[in-house]
Amino acid sequence: ITPDIVIITGANGTILKSTDAGTTWQQKNSGTDLYLREIQFPTSKIGYVLAGGNTLLKTKDAGETWTQFPIENISAIDAMSCVNEDLIFLNTDKGLIKSEDSGVTWSAPVQSAFFGEHGIQMQFFDRNTGFVGIDELGYLDNGDQHWENRLAKTTDAGRSWQIIDAIAPFHFLNENLGFYNFQKLYKITNGGDQIVDAAGYSARTLRKIIAIDENTIWGIRDDRALNYDTSSQGIIKFTKNETGEYVAKAWYDNSFDIDMTSMHFANDNAGYIIGRAFGKNKLWKNTTGSNAGLNTSEADKVNLVKIFPNPTSDKINVQIDNQFPK
């Protein structure tokens, strides 16, 4: 909520709050044992949490106390976007719904873009304009990885959709300017009419992307092992230079026991990541706008593992540049 006030949600109805920038934590009573997922604070006092299948939690006092209310005729909610304390959009198993009275009443569902898909992300800016996307990859007939029809924009509260050739995760600064990642960082201007390759780096996926402004974008890199059972993850920062190009800089925790799941920045410098490390919950904190979150002596090792040739129909070579613990 601020650089000092931080709230984390988790399993079994867990809500943790810190008022000293993560030094100490207090557990708050959520009133439920449901799994708590996405959390958004449209104001410093009022916040909402997705709980279980069809339930919302709400606080009016910055997370000290919570009330819950199920949404009738809805079985599952997969994404939420709080425009302000009253206006809330939900992407559900019945379609896109919205409330303009803090969740007291809800509109009839309309057909959402990518209805019934998984990995939904949603971001609305007013009662009519918003984006919905999915982070699943599409493939062309020739086998090349490609993004197609993975992001959509509405200007009439979901009654119609404009398809954009992009993929989640994404983050828009306003209805006309945003960023997404697919092997490279891409910049979308004019609400999707123009897509610009914004950085010459290689990374298949980012788990999360947050644009502080047009000049600074942060992300969580998701570099998994061959069997996808473990992962080595890192933080990446894109910075716009004097010539207008975006330069990428990455920091890694080279252990294969890291799982970063969510990132948020309160301002340009104060950022947090939540996840797990070596089987325990962990919070990474950034206070400088640079590498202050990963305690590693090795930086900028983007290509720790190389697999070649690609493509191949016979043998592959695996080159490991570091001595990993596993």
C-alpha atoms as a PDB file:
ATOM      1  CA  ILE A   1       0.000   0.000   0.000  1.00  0.00           C
ATOM      2  CA  THR A   2       2.956   2.274   0.847  1.00  0.00           C
ATOM      3  CA  PRO A   3       6.685   1.512   1.024  1.00  0.00           C
ATOM      4  CA  ASP A   4       6.137   0.566   4.690  1.00  0.00           C
ATOM      5  CA  ILE A   5       2.631  -0.951   4.719  1.00  0.00           C
ATOM      6  CA  VAL A   6       2.614  -4.352   3.022  1.00  0.00           C
ATOM      7  CA  ILE A   7      -0.104  -7.020   2.943  1.00  0.00           C
ATOM      8  CA  ILE A   8       0.361 -10.622   1.812  1.00  0.00           C
ATOM      9  CA  THR A   9      -2.320 -13.260   1.239  1.00  0.00           C
ATOM     10  CA  GLY A  10      -1.941 -17.032   1.073  1.00  0.00           C
ATOM     11  CA  ALA A  11      -3.329 -20.475   1.844  1.00  0.00           C
ATOM     12  CA  ASN A  12      -5.807 -21.329   4.615  1.00  0.00           C
ATOM     13  CA  GLY A  13      -7.155 -17.780   4.771  1.00  0.00           C
ATOM     14  CA  THR A  14      -3.766 -16.328   5.698  1.00  0.00           C
ATOM     15  CA  ILE A  15      -3.419 -12.538   5.719  1.00  0.00           C
ATOM     16  CA  LEU A  16      -0.147 -11.018   6.943  1.00  0.00           C
ATOM     17  CA  LYS A  17       0.439  -7.298   7.428  1.00  0.00           C
ATOM     18  CA  SER A  18       3.611  -5.320   8.036  1.00  0.00           C
ATOM     19  CA  THR A  19       3.761  -1.635   8.951  1.00  0.00           C
ATOM     20  CA  ASP A  20       7.562  -1.440   9.089  1.00  0.00           C
ATOM     21  CA  ALA A  21       8.489  -2.422   5.522  1.00  0.00           C
ATOM     22  CA  GLY A  22       8.583  -6.159   6.171  1.00  0.00           C
ATOM     23  CA  THR A  23      10.694  -6.222   9.331  1.00  0.00           C
ATOM     24  CA  THR A  24       7.854  -7.594  11.479  1.00  0.00           C
ATOM     25  CA  TRP A  25       4.492  -9.133  10.593  1.00  0.00           C
ATOM     26  CA  GLN A  26       1.088  -9.539  12.223  1.00  0.00           C
ATOM     27  CA  GLN A  27      -1.438 -12.154  11.167  1.00  0.00           C
ATOM     28  CA  LYS A  28      -4.945 -10.739  10.602  1.00  0.00           C
ATOM     29  CA  ASN A  29      -8.215 -12.616  10.945  1.00  0.00           C
ATOM     30  CA  SER A  30      -9.657 -13.163   7.474  1.00  0.00           C
ATOM     31  CA  GLY A  31     -12.684 -15.045   8.777  1.00  0.00           C
ATOM     32  CA  THR A  32     -12.130 -17.912   6.355  1.00  0.00           C
ATOM     33  CA  ASP A  33      -9.846 -20.844   5.653  1.00  0.00           C
ATOM     34  CA  LEU A  34     -10.205 -20.471   1.886  1.00  0.00           C
ATOM     35  CA  TYR A  35      -7.157 -20.077  -0.333  1.00  0.00           C
ATOM     36  CA  LEU A  36      -6.641 -16.322  -0.798  1.00  0.00           C
ATOM     37  CA  ARG A  37      -5.384 -15.271  -4.214  1.00  0.00           C
ATOM     38  CA  GLU A  38      -5.258 -11.905  -5.944  1.00  0.00           C
ATOM     39  CA  ILE A  39      -5.252  -8.797  -3.737  1.00  0.00           C
ATOM     40  CA  GLN A  40      -5.833  -5.183  -4.832  1.00  0.00           C
ATOM     41  CA  PHE A  41      -6.056  -1.901  -2.914  1.00  0.00           C
ATOM     42  CA  PRO A  42      -7.709   0.840  -4.994  1.00  0.00           C
ATOM     43  CA  THR A  43      -7.220   3.230  -2.018  1.00  0.00           C
ATOM     44  CA  SER A  44      -4.934   3.222   1.005  1.00  0.00           C
ATOM     45  CA  LYS A  45      -7.789   1.942   3.199  1.00  0.00           C
ATOM     46  CA  ILE A  46     -10.063  -0.127   0.957  1.00  0.00           C
ATOM     47  CA  GLY A  47      -8.881  -3.437  -0.465  1.00  0.00           C
ATOM     48  CA  TYR A  48     -10.308  -6.599  -2.029  1.00  0.00           C
ATOM     49  CA  VAL A  49      -9.102 -10.210  -2.116  1.00  0.00           C
ATOM     50  CA  LEU A  50     -10.225 -13.138  -4.272  1.00  0.00           C
ATOM     51  CA  ALA A  51     -10.999 -16.059  -1.956  1.00  0.00           C
ATOM     52  CA  GLY A  52     -11.718 -19.622  -3.008  1.00  0.00           C
ATOM     53  CA  GLY A  53     -14.056 -20.019  -5.946  1.00  0.00           C
ATOM     54  CA  ASN A  54     -16.678 -17.273  -5.769  1.00  0.00           C
ATOM     55  CA  THR A  55     -15.934 -15.182  -2.669  1.00  0.00           C
ATOM     56  CA  LEU A  56     -14.537 -11.679  -2.183  1.00  0.00           C
ATOM     57  CA  LEU A  57     -12.974 -10.336   1.001  1.00  0.00           C
ATOM     58  CA  LYS A  58     -13.087  -6.587   1.670  1.00  0.00           C
ATOM     59  CA  THR A  59     -11.334  -4.317   4.136  1.00  0.00           C
ATOM     60  CA  LYS A  60     -12.105  -0.678   4.931  1.00  0.00           C
ATOM     61  CA  ASP A  61      -9.259  -0.130   7.398  1.00  0.00           C
ATOM     62  CA  ALA A  62      -6.093  -1.009   5.472  1.00  0.00           C
ATOM     63  CA  GLY A  63      -6.285  -4.719   6.161  1.00  0.00           C
ATOM     64  CA  GLU A  64      -6.942  -4.715   9.907  1.00  0.00           C
ATOM     65  CA  THR A  65     -10.396  -6.319   9.627  1.00  0.00           C
ATOM     66  CA  TRP A  66     -12.057  -8.173   6.767  1.00  0.00           C
ATOM     67  CA  THR A  67     -15.584  -9.102   5.718  1.00  0.00           C
ATOM     68  CA  GLN A  68     -16.443 -11.705   3.113  1.00  0.00           C
ATOM     69  CA  PHE A  69     -19.315 -12.014   0.681  1.00  0.00           C
ATOM     70  CA  PRO A  70     -19.949 -14.742  -1.908  1.00  0.00           C
ATOM     71  CA  ILE A  71     -21.174 -13.729  -5.352  1.00  0.00           C
ATOM     72  CA  GLU A  72     -24.410 -15.446  -6.284  1.00  0.00           C
ATOM     73  CA  ASN A  73     -24.686 -17.619  -9.402  1.00  0.00           C
ATOM     74  CA  ILE A  74     -20.892 -17.621  -9.846  1.00  0.00           C
ATOM     75  CA  SER A  75     -18.770 -20.723  -9.276  1.00  0.00           C
ATOM     76  CA  ALA A  76     -15.272 -19.464 -10.121  1.00  0.00           C
ATOM     77  CA  ILE A  77     -13.456 -16.134 -10.413  1.00  0.00           C
ATOM     78  CA  ASP A  78     -10.177 -16.136 -12.312  1.00  0.00           C
ATOM     79  CA  ALA A  79      -9.275 -12.421 -12.438  1.00  0.00           C
ATOM     80  CA  MET A  80     -10.123  -9.122 -10.726  1.00  0.00           C
ATOM     81  CA  SER A  81      -9.576  -5.455 -11.553  1.00  0.00           C
ATOM     82  CA  CYS A  82     -10.466  -2.689  -9.084  1.00  0.00           C
ATOM     83  CA  VAL A  83     -10.709   0.655 -10.866  1.00  0.00           C
ATOM     84  CA  ASN A  84     -11.606   2.484  -7.655  1.00  0.00           C
ATOM     85  CA  GLU A  85     -13.197   1.657  -4.313  1.00  0.00           C
ATOM     86  CA  ASP A  86     -16.636   1.241  -5.924  1.00  0.00           C
ATOM     87  CA  LEU A  87     -15.949  -0.049  -9.446  1.00  0.00           C
ATOM     88  CA  ILE A  88     -14.828  -3.688  -9.620  1.00  0.00           C
ATOM     89  CA  PHE A  89     -14.576  -6.038 -12.612  1.00  0.00           C
ATOM     90  CA  LEU A  90     -14.455  -9.835 -12.260  1.00  0.00           C
ATOM     91  CA  ASN A  91     -13.748 -12.403 -14.947  1.00  0.00           C
ATOM     92  CA  THR A  92     -15.819 -15.455 -13.955  1.00  0.00           C
ATOM     93  CA  ASP A  93     -16.987 -18.838 -15.196  1.00  0.00           C
ATOM     94  CA  LYS A  94     -20.201 -17.112 -16.345  1.00  0.00           C
ATOM     95  CA  GLY A  95     -18.443 -14.215 -18.091  1.00  0.00           C
ATOM     96  CA  LEU A  96     -17.347 -10.671 -17.266  1.00  0.00           C
ATOM     97  CA  ILE A  97     -19.297  -8.945 -14.486  1.00  0.00           C
ATOM     98  CA  LYS A  98     -18.905  -5.568 -12.789  1.00  0.00           C
ATOM     99  CA  SER A  99     -20.075  -3.803  -9.670  1.00  0.00           C
ATOM    100  CA  GLU A 100     -20.367  -0.035  -9.306  1.00  0.00           C
ATOM    101  CA  ASP A 101     -21.381  -0.083  -5.640  1.00  0.00           C
ATOM    102  CA  SER A 102     -18.416  -1.814  -3.942  1.00  0.00           C
ATOM    103  CA  GLY A 103     -19.708  -5.311  -4.636  1.00  0.00           C
ATOM    104  CA  VAL A 104     -23.261  -4.921  -3.307  1.00  0.00           C
ATOM    105  CA  THR A 105     -24.827  -5.606  -6.715  1.00  0.00           C
ATOM    106  CA  TRP A 106     -23.382  -7.041  -9.912  1.00  0.00           C
ATOM    107  CA  SER A 107     -24.209  -6.662 -13.579  1.00  0.00           C
ATOM    108  CA  ALA A 108     -25.401  -9.550 -15.713  1.00  0.00           C
ATOM    109  CA  PRO A 109     -22.451 -11.488 -17.227  1.00  0.00           C
ATOM    110  CA  VAL A 110     -21.273 -10.607 -20.728  1.00  0.00           C
ATOM    111  CA  GLN A 111     -19.108 -12.816 -22.904  1.00  0.00           C
ATOM    112  CA  SER A 112     -15.509 -12.219 -21.901  1.00  0.00           C
ATOM    113  CA  ALA A 113     -12.563 -12.503 -24.249  1.00  0.00           C
ATOM    114  CA  PHE A 114     -10.895 -15.939 -23.917  1.00  0.00           C
ATOM    115  CA  PHE A 115     -13.925 -17.281 -22.067  1.00  0.00           C
ATOM    116  CA  GLY A 116     -13.124 -20.504 -20.210  1.00  0.00           C
ATOM    117  CA  GLU A 117      -9.350 -20.189 -20.638  1.00  0.00           C
ATOM    118  CA  HIS A 118      -6.727 -20.455 -17.886  1.00  0.00           C
ATOM    119  CA  GLY A 119      -4.074 -17.941 -16.866  1.00  0.00           C
ATOM    120  CA  ILE A 120      -6.324 -14.899 -17.127  1.00  0.00           C
ATOM    121  CA  GLN A 121      -5.011 -11.402 -16.381  1.00  0.00           C
ATOM    122  CA  MET A 122      -7.253  -8.315 -16.431  1.00  0.00           C
ATOM    123  CA  GLN A 123      -6.789  -4.552 -16.125  1.00  0.00           C
ATOM    124  CA  PHE A 124      -9.555  -1.920 -16.410  1.00  0.00           C
ATOM    125  CA  PHE A 125      -9.209   1.880 -16.360  1.00  0.00           C
ATOM    126  CA  ASP A 126     -12.836   3.055 -16.194  1.00  0.00           C
ATOM    127  CA  ARG A 127     -16.357   1.622 -16.399  1.00  0.00           C
ATOM    128  CA  ASN A 128     -15.908   0.750 -20.081  1.00  0.00           C
ATOM    129  CA  THR A 129     -12.235   0.415 -21.031  1.00  0.00           C
ATOM    130  CA  GLY A 130     -10.052  -2.532 -20.104  1.00  0.00           C
ATOM    131  CA  PHE A 131      -7.810  -5.395 -21.206  1.00  0.00           C
ATOM    132  CA  VAL A 132      -8.040  -9.158 -20.703  1.00  0.00           C
ATOM    133  CA  GLY A 133      -5.238 -11.549 -21.647  1.00  0.00           C
ATOM    134  CA  ILE A 134      -3.980 -15.085 -21.149  1.00  0.00           C
ATOM    135  CA  ASP A 135      -0.430 -16.331 -20.679  1.00  0.00           C
ATOM    136  CA  GLU A 136      -0.750 -19.600 -22.605  1.00  0.00           C
ATOM    137  CA  LEU A 137       1.321 -19.845 -25.795  1.00  0.00           C
ATOM    138  CA  GLY A 138      -0.131 -20.290 -29.262  1.00  0.00           C
ATOM    139  CA  TYR A 139       1.721 -22.053 -32.050  1.00  0.00           C
ATOM    140  CA  LEU A 140       1.842 -21.529 -35.783  1.00  0.00           C
ATOM    141  CA  ASP A 141       1.398 -24.420 -38.208  1.00  0.00           C
ATOM    142  CA  ASN A 142       5.127 -24.478 -38.972  1.00  0.00           C
ATOM    143  CA  GLY A 143       5.948 -25.154 -35.321  1.00  0.00           C
ATOM    144  CA  ASP A 144       7.495 -21.775 -34.521  1.00  0.00           C
ATOM    145  CA  GLN A 145       6.518 -20.288 -31.190  1.00  0.00           C
ATOM    146  CA  HIS A 146       4.318 -17.270 -31.689  1.00  0.00           C
ATOM    147  CA  TRP A 147       1.884 -15.038 -29.881  1.00  0.00           C
ATOM    148  CA  GLU A 148      -1.504 -14.580 -31.455  1.00  0.00           C
ATOM    149  CA  ASN A 149      -4.880 -13.481 -30.137  1.00  0.00           C
ATOM    150  CA  ARG A 150      -3.745 -13.555 -26.491  1.00  0.00           C
ATOM    151  CA  LEU A 151      -4.766 -10.032 -25.494  1.00  0.00           C
ATOM    152  CA  ALA A 152      -8.026  -8.177 -26.071  1.00  0.00           C
ATOM    153  CA  LYS A 153      -9.310  -4.671 -25.386  1.00  0.00           C
ATOM    154  CA  THR A 154     -12.874  -3.521 -24.757  1.00  0.00           C
ATOM    155  CA  THR A 155     -14.231   0.020 -24.781  1.00  0.00           C
ATOM    156  CA  ASP A 156     -17.848  -0.918 -24.000  1.00  0.00           C
ATOM    157  CA  ALA A 157     -17.537  -2.910 -20.750  1.00  0.00           C
ATOM    158  CA  GLY A 158     -17.041  -6.236 -22.519  1.00  0.00           C
ATOM    159  CA  ARG A 159     -19.875  -6.186 -25.030  1.00  0.00           C
ATOM    160  CA  SER A 160     -17.291  -6.235 -27.847  1.00  0.00           C
ATOM    161  CA  TRP A 161     -13.546  -6.924 -28.006  1.00  0.00           C
ATOM    162  CA  GLN A 162     -10.609  -5.856 -30.158  1.00  0.00           C
ATOM    163  CA  ILE A 163      -8.043  -8.676 -30.432  1.00  0.00           C
ATOM    164  CA  ILE A 164      -4.368  -7.694 -30.051  1.00  0.00           C
ATOM    165  CA  ASP A 165      -1.439  -9.913 -31.055  1.00  0.00           C
ATOM    166  CA  ALA A 166       0.155  -9.972 -27.617  1.00  0.00           C
ATOM    167  CA  ILE A 167       0.397 -12.215 -24.580  1.00  0.00           C
ATOM    168  CA  ALA A 168       0.151 -11.940 -20.789  1.00  0.00           C
ATOM    169  CA  PRO A 169       1.699 -11.044 -18.443  1.00  0.00           C
ATOM    170  CA  PHE A 170       1.157  -7.425 -19.417  1.00  0.00           C
ATOM    171  CA  HIS A 171       0.871  -4.065 -17.680  1.00  0.00           C
ATOM    172  CA  PHE A 172      -0.731  -0.903 -19.026  1.00  0.00           C
ATOM    173  CA  LEU A 173       0.038   2.574 -17.698  1.00  0.00           C
ATOM    174  CA  ASN A 174      -3.119   3.909 -19.331  1.00  0.00           C
ATOM    175  CA  GLU A 175      -5.592   2.723 -21.918  1.00  0.00           C
ATOM    176  CA  ASN A 176      -3.170   3.545 -24.758  1.00  0.00           C
ATOM    177  CA  LEU A 177       0.270   2.579 -23.409  1.00  0.00           C
ATOM    178  CA  GLY A 178       1.420  -0.769 -22.076  1.00  0.00           C
ATOM    179  CA  PHE A 179       4.066  -3.492 -22.122  1.00  0.00           C
ATOM    180  CA  TYR A 180       4.156  -7.276 -22.446  1.00  0.00           C
ATOM    181  CA  ASN A 181       6.844  -9.929 -22.830  1.00  0.00           C
ATOM    182  CA  PHE A 182       7.335 -12.779 -25.257  1.00  0.00           C
ATOM    183  CA  GLN A 183      11.045 -13.589 -25.632  1.00  0.00           C
ATOM    184  CA  LYS A 184      11.528  -9.823 -25.836  1.00  0.00           C
ATOM    185  CA  LEU A 185       9.916  -6.805 -24.226  1.00  0.00           C
ATOM    186  CA  TYR A 186       7.212  -5.237 -26.374  1.00  0.00           C
ATOM    187  CA  LYS A 187       5.608  -1.842 -26.076  1.00  0.00           C
ATOM    188  CA  ILE A 188       1.980  -1.313 -27.118  1.00  0.00           C
ATOM    189  CA  THR A 189       0.897   2.209 -28.014  1.00  0.00           C
ATOM    190  CA  ASN A 190      -2.478   3.603 -29.075  1.00  0.00           C
ATOM    191  CA  GLY A 191      -4.272   0.784 -27.285  1.00  0.00           C
ATOM    192  CA  GLY A 192      -2.772  -1.920 -29.472  1.00  0.00           C
ATOM    193  CA  ASP A 193      -2.440  -0.307 -32.872  1.00  0.00           C
ATOM    194  CA  GLN A 194       1.366  -0.301 -32.762  1.00  0.00           C
ATOM    195  CA  ILE A 195       3.728  -2.906 -31.282  1.00  0.00           C
ATOM    196  CA  VAL A 196       7.401  -2.017 -30.925  1.00  0.00           C
ATOM    197  CA  ASP A 197      10.253  -4.406 -30.096  1.00  0.00           C
ATOM    198  CA  ALA A 198      11.671  -2.603 -27.091  1.00  0.00           C
ATOM    199  CA  ALA A 199      14.705  -4.624 -25.971  1.00  0.00           C
ATOM    200  CA  GLY A 200      17.219  -6.943 -27.595  1.00  0.00           C
ATOM    201  CA  TYR A 201      17.313  -9.718 -25.011  1.00  0.00           C
ATOM    202  CA  SER A 202      16.133 -13.323 -25.017  1.00  0.00           C
ATOM    203  CA  ALA A 203      13.736 -14.655 -22.374  1.00  0.00           C
ATOM    204  CA  ARG A 204      10.798 -16.865 -23.205  1.00  0.00           C
ATOM    205  CA  THR A 205       8.564 -15.909 -20.315  1.00  0.00           C
ATOM    206  CA  LEU A 206       8.173 -13.463 -17.495  1.00  0.00           C
ATOM    207  CA  ARG A 207       5.941 -14.506 -14.625  1.00  0.00           C
ATOM    208  CA  LYS A 208       5.078 -10.910 -13.763  1.00  0.00           C
ATOM    209  CA  ILE A 209       5.645  -7.531 -15.378  1.00  0.00           C
ATOM    210  CA  ILE A 210       5.167  -4.081 -13.798  1.00  0.00           C
ATOM    211  CA  ALA A 211       5.735  -0.761 -15.530  1.00  0.00           C
ATOM    212  CA  ILE A 212       6.666   1.976 -13.059  1.00  0.00           C
ATOM    213  CA  ASP A 213       6.425   4.474 -15.907  1.00  0.00           C
ATOM    214  CA  GLU A 214       7.325   4.535 -19.599  1.00  0.00           C
ATOM    215  CA  ASN A 215      11.038   4.509 -18.731  1.00  0.00           C
ATOM    216  CA  THR A 216      11.240   1.680 -16.146  1.00  0.00           C
ATOM    217  CA  ILE A 217       9.740  -1.821 -16.311  1.00  0.00           C
ATOM    218  CA  TRP A 218      10.355  -4.667 -13.847  1.00  0.00           C
ATOM    219  CA  GLY A 219       9.698  -8.375 -14.261  1.00  0.00           C
ATOM    220  CA  ILE A 220      10.169 -11.798 -12.660  1.00  0.00           C
ATOM    221  CA  ARG A 221      12.027 -14.152 -15.006  1.00  0.00           C
ATOM    222  CA  ASP A 222      10.908 -17.770 -15.069  1.00  0.00           C
ATOM    223  CA  ASP A 223      13.801 -20.014 -16.145  1.00  0.00           C
ATOM    224  CA  ARG A 224      12.874 -23.605 -15.442  1.00  0.00           C
ATOM    225  CA  ALA A 225      14.863 -26.800 -15.582  1.00  0.00           C
ATOM    226  CA  LEU A 226      14.279 -29.336 -18.326  1.00  0.00           C
ATOM    227  CA  ASN A 227      11.699 -31.328 -16.351  1.00  0.00           C
ATOM    228  CA  TYR A 228       9.893 -28.179 -15.097  1.00  0.00           C
ATOM    229  CA  ASP A 229      10.036 -29.580 -11.529  1.00  0.00           C
ATOM    230  CA  THR A 230      12.435 -26.950 -10.205  1.00  0.00           C
ATOM    231  CA  SER A 231      13.320 -23.463 -11.285  1.00  0.00           C
ATOM    232  CA  SER A 232      16.000 -20.835 -11.117  1.00  0.00           C
ATOM    233  CA  GLN A 233      14.437 -17.413 -11.197  1.00  0.00           C
ATOM    234  CA  GLY A 234      15.559 -13.840 -11.279  1.00  0.00           C
ATOM    235  CA  ILE A 235      14.579 -10.217 -11.492  1.00  0.00           C
ATOM    236  CA  ILE A 236      14.904  -8.215 -14.676  1.00  0.00           C
ATOM    237  CA  LYS A 237      14.759  -4.452 -15.117  1.00  0.00           C
ATOM    238  CA  PHE A 238      14.262  -2.580 -18.388  1.00  0.00           C
ATOM    239  CA  THR A 239      15.440   1.018 -18.523  1.00  0.00           C
ATOM    240  CA  LYS A 240      14.915   3.457 -21.391  1.00  0.00           C
ATOM    241  CA  ASN A 241      18.190   5.138 -22.352  1.00  0.00           C
ATOM    242  CA  GLU A 242      18.972   8.476 -23.981  1.00  0.00           C
ATOM    243  CA  THR A 243      18.414   7.129 -27.506  1.00  0.00           C
ATOM    244  CA  GLY A 244      14.976   5.779 -26.654  1.00  0.00           C
ATOM    245  CA  GLU A 245      16.025   2.123 -26.541  1.00  0.00           C
ATOM    246  CA  TYR A 246      15.299  -0.184 -23.602  1.00  0.00           C
ATOM    247  CA  VAL A 247      18.281  -1.837 -21.927  1.00  0.00           C
ATOM    248  CA  ALA A 248      17.740  -5.066 -19.964  1.00  0.00           C
ATOM    249  CA  LYS A 249      19.646  -5.967 -16.795  1.00  0.00           C
ATOM    250  CA  ALA A 250      19.003  -9.222 -14.909  1.00  0.00           C
ATOM    251  CA  TRP A 251      19.932 -10.539 -11.454  1.00  0.00           C
ATOM    252  CA  TYR A 252      19.609 -14.191 -10.491  1.00  0.00           C
ATOM    253  CA  ASP A 253      19.451 -16.391  -7.480  1.00  0.00           C
ATOM    254  CA  ASN A 254      21.220 -19.362  -9.009  1.00  0.00           C
ATOM    255  CA  SER A 255      19.767 -21.934  -6.645  1.00  0.00           C
ATOM    256  CA  PHE A 256      17.237 -24.324  -8.128  1.00  0.00           C
ATOM    257  CA  ASP A 257      15.005 -23.950  -5.054  1.00  0.00           C
ATOM    258  CA  ILE A 258      13.600 -20.494  -5.755  1.00  0.00           C
ATOM    259  CA  ASP A 259       9.968 -19.832  -6.653  1.00  0.00           C
ATOM    260  CA  MET A 260       9.019 -16.163  -7.066  1.00  0.00           C
ATOM    261  CA  THR A 261       5.292 -15.727  -7.611  1.00  0.00           C
ATOM    262  CA  SER A 262       4.297 -12.063  -7.319  1.00  0.00           C
ATOM    263  CA  MET A 263       5.865  -8.599  -7.524  1.00  0.00           C
ATOM    264  CA  HIS A 264       4.621  -5.146  -6.575  1.00  0.00           C
ATOM    265  CA  PHE A 265       6.175  -1.677  -6.384  1.00  0.00           C
ATOM    266  CA  ALA A 266       4.854   1.073  -4.119  1.00  0.00           C
ATOM    267  CA  ASN A 267       6.941   3.695  -5.919  1.00  0.00           C
ATOM    268  CA  ASP A 268      10.014   3.944  -8.153  1.00  0.00           C
ATOM    269  CA  ASN A 269      12.343   2.350  -5.603  1.00  0.00           C
ATOM    270  CA  ALA A 270      10.262   0.435  -3.043  1.00  0.00           C
ATOM    271  CA  GLY A 271       9.446  -3.015  -4.394  1.00  0.00           C
ATOM    272  CA  TYR A 272       8.581  -6.445  -3.006  1.00  0.00           C
ATOM    273  CA  ILE A 273       8.499 -10.005  -4.327  1.00  0.00           C
ATOM    274  CA  ILE A 274       6.817 -12.885  -2.529  1.00  0.00           C
ATOM    275  CA  GLY A 275       7.611 -16.556  -3.029  1.00  0.00           C
ATOM    276  CA  ARG A 276       9.450 -19.527  -1.575  1.00  0.00           C
ATOM    277  CA  ALA A 277      13.115 -20.364  -1.098  1.00  0.00           C
ATOM    278  CA  PHE A 278      14.441 -23.741   0.072  1.00  0.00           C
ATOM    279  CA  GLY A 279      10.955 -24.851   1.126  1.00  0.00           C
ATOM    280  CA  LYS A 280      10.146 -21.743   3.180  1.00  0.00           C
ATOM    281  CA  ASN A 281       8.142 -18.613   2.454  1.00  0.00           C
ATOM    282  CA  LYS A 282      10.314 -15.655   1.563  1.00  0.00           C
ATOM    283  CA  LEU A 283       9.989 -11.938   0.867  1.00  0.00           C
ATOM    284  CA  TRP A 284      12.485 -10.122  -1.354  1.00  0.00           C
ATOM    285  CA  LYS A 285      12.680  -6.362  -0.843  1.00  0.00           C
ATOM    286  CA  ASN A 286      14.084  -3.582  -3.002  1.00  0.00           C
ATOM    287  CA  THR A 287      14.729  -0.078  -1.683  1.00  0.00           C
ATOM    288  CA  THR A 288      17.059   1.415  -4.278  1.00  0.00           C
ATOM    289  CA  GLY A 289      15.475   0.732  -7.667  1.00  0.00           C
ATOM    290  CA  SER A 290      18.504  -1.436  -8.468  1.00  0.00           C
ATOM    291  CA  ASN A 291      19.761  -4.862  -7.362  1.00  0.00           C
ATOM    292  CA  ALA A 292      18.734  -4.855  -3.717  1.00  0.00           C
ATOM    293  CA  GLY A 293      16.561  -7.957  -3.667  1.00  0.00           C
ATOM    294  CA  LEU A 294      18.740 -10.905  -4.605  1.00  0.00           C
ATOM    295  CA  ASN A 295      21.620 -11.770  -2.318  1.00  0.00           C
ATOM    296  CA  THR A 296      23.923 -13.241  -4.936  1.00  0.00           C
ATOM    297  CA  SER A 297      27.482 -12.522  -5.929  1.00  0.00           C
ATOM    298  CA  GLU A 298      26.863 -13.474  -9.528  1.00  0.00           C
ATOM    299  CA  ALA A 299      25.019 -11.037 -11.742  1.00  0.00           C
ATOM    300  CA  ASP A 300      24.065 -10.776 -15.390  1.00  0.00           C
ATOM    301  CA  LYS A 301      24.574 -14.472 -16.138  1.00  0.00           C
ATOM    302  CA  VAL A 302      21.691 -14.614 -18.565  1.00  0.00           C
ATOM    303  CA  ASN A 303      22.671 -17.861 -20.279  1.00  0.00           C
ATOM    304  CA  LEU A 304      23.554 -20.194 -17.410  1.00  0.00           C
ATOM    305  CA  VAL A 305      22.380 -23.279 -19.299  1.00  0.00           C
ATOM    306  CA  LYS A 306      22.689 -23.694 -23.078  1.00  0.00           C
ATOM    307  CA  ILE A 307      20.919 -26.406 -25.063  1.00  0.00           C
ATOM    308  CA  PHE A 308      21.965 -26.879 -28.682  1.00  0.00           C
ATOM    309  CA  PRO A 309      21.467 -27.399 -31.567  1.00  0.00           C
ATOM    310  CA  ASN A 310      17.941 -26.090 -31.783  1.00  0.00           C
ATOM    311  CA  PRO A 311      16.053 -27.477 -33.621  1.00  0.00           C
ATOM    312  CA  THR A 312      17.364 -31.029 -33.693  1.00  0.00           C
ATOM    313  CA  SER A 313      16.033 -34.460 -34.591  1.00  0.00           C
ATOM    314  CA  ASP A 314      18.760 -36.585 -33.000  1.00  0.00           C
ATOM    315  CA  LYS A 315      21.071 -35.541 -30.162  1.00  0.00           C
ATOM    316  CA  ILE A 316      21.224 -32.426 -27.999  1.00  0.00           C
ATOM    317  CA  ASN A 317      24.074 -30.881 -26.036  1.00  0.00           C
ATOM    318  CA  VAL A 318      23.540 -29.376 -22.571  1.00  0.00           C
ATOM    319  CA  GLN A 319      26.205 -26.917 -21.441  1.00  0.00           C
ATOM    320  CA  ILE A 320      26.103 -25.810 -17.779  1.00  0.00           C
ATOM    321  CA  ASP A 321      28.267 -22.786 -17.038  1.00  0.00           C
ATOM    322  CA  ASN A 322      27.921 -22.956 -13.242  1.00  0.00           C
ATOM    323  CA  GLN A 323      28.288 -25.678 -10.623  1.00  0.00           C
ATOM    324  CA  PHE A 324      24.704 -25.893  -9.451  1.00  0.00           C
ATOM    325  CA  PRO A 325      23.867 -27.443  -6.063  1.00  0.00           C
ATOM    326  CA  LYS A 326      21.386 -29.781  -7.784  1.00  0.00           C
END
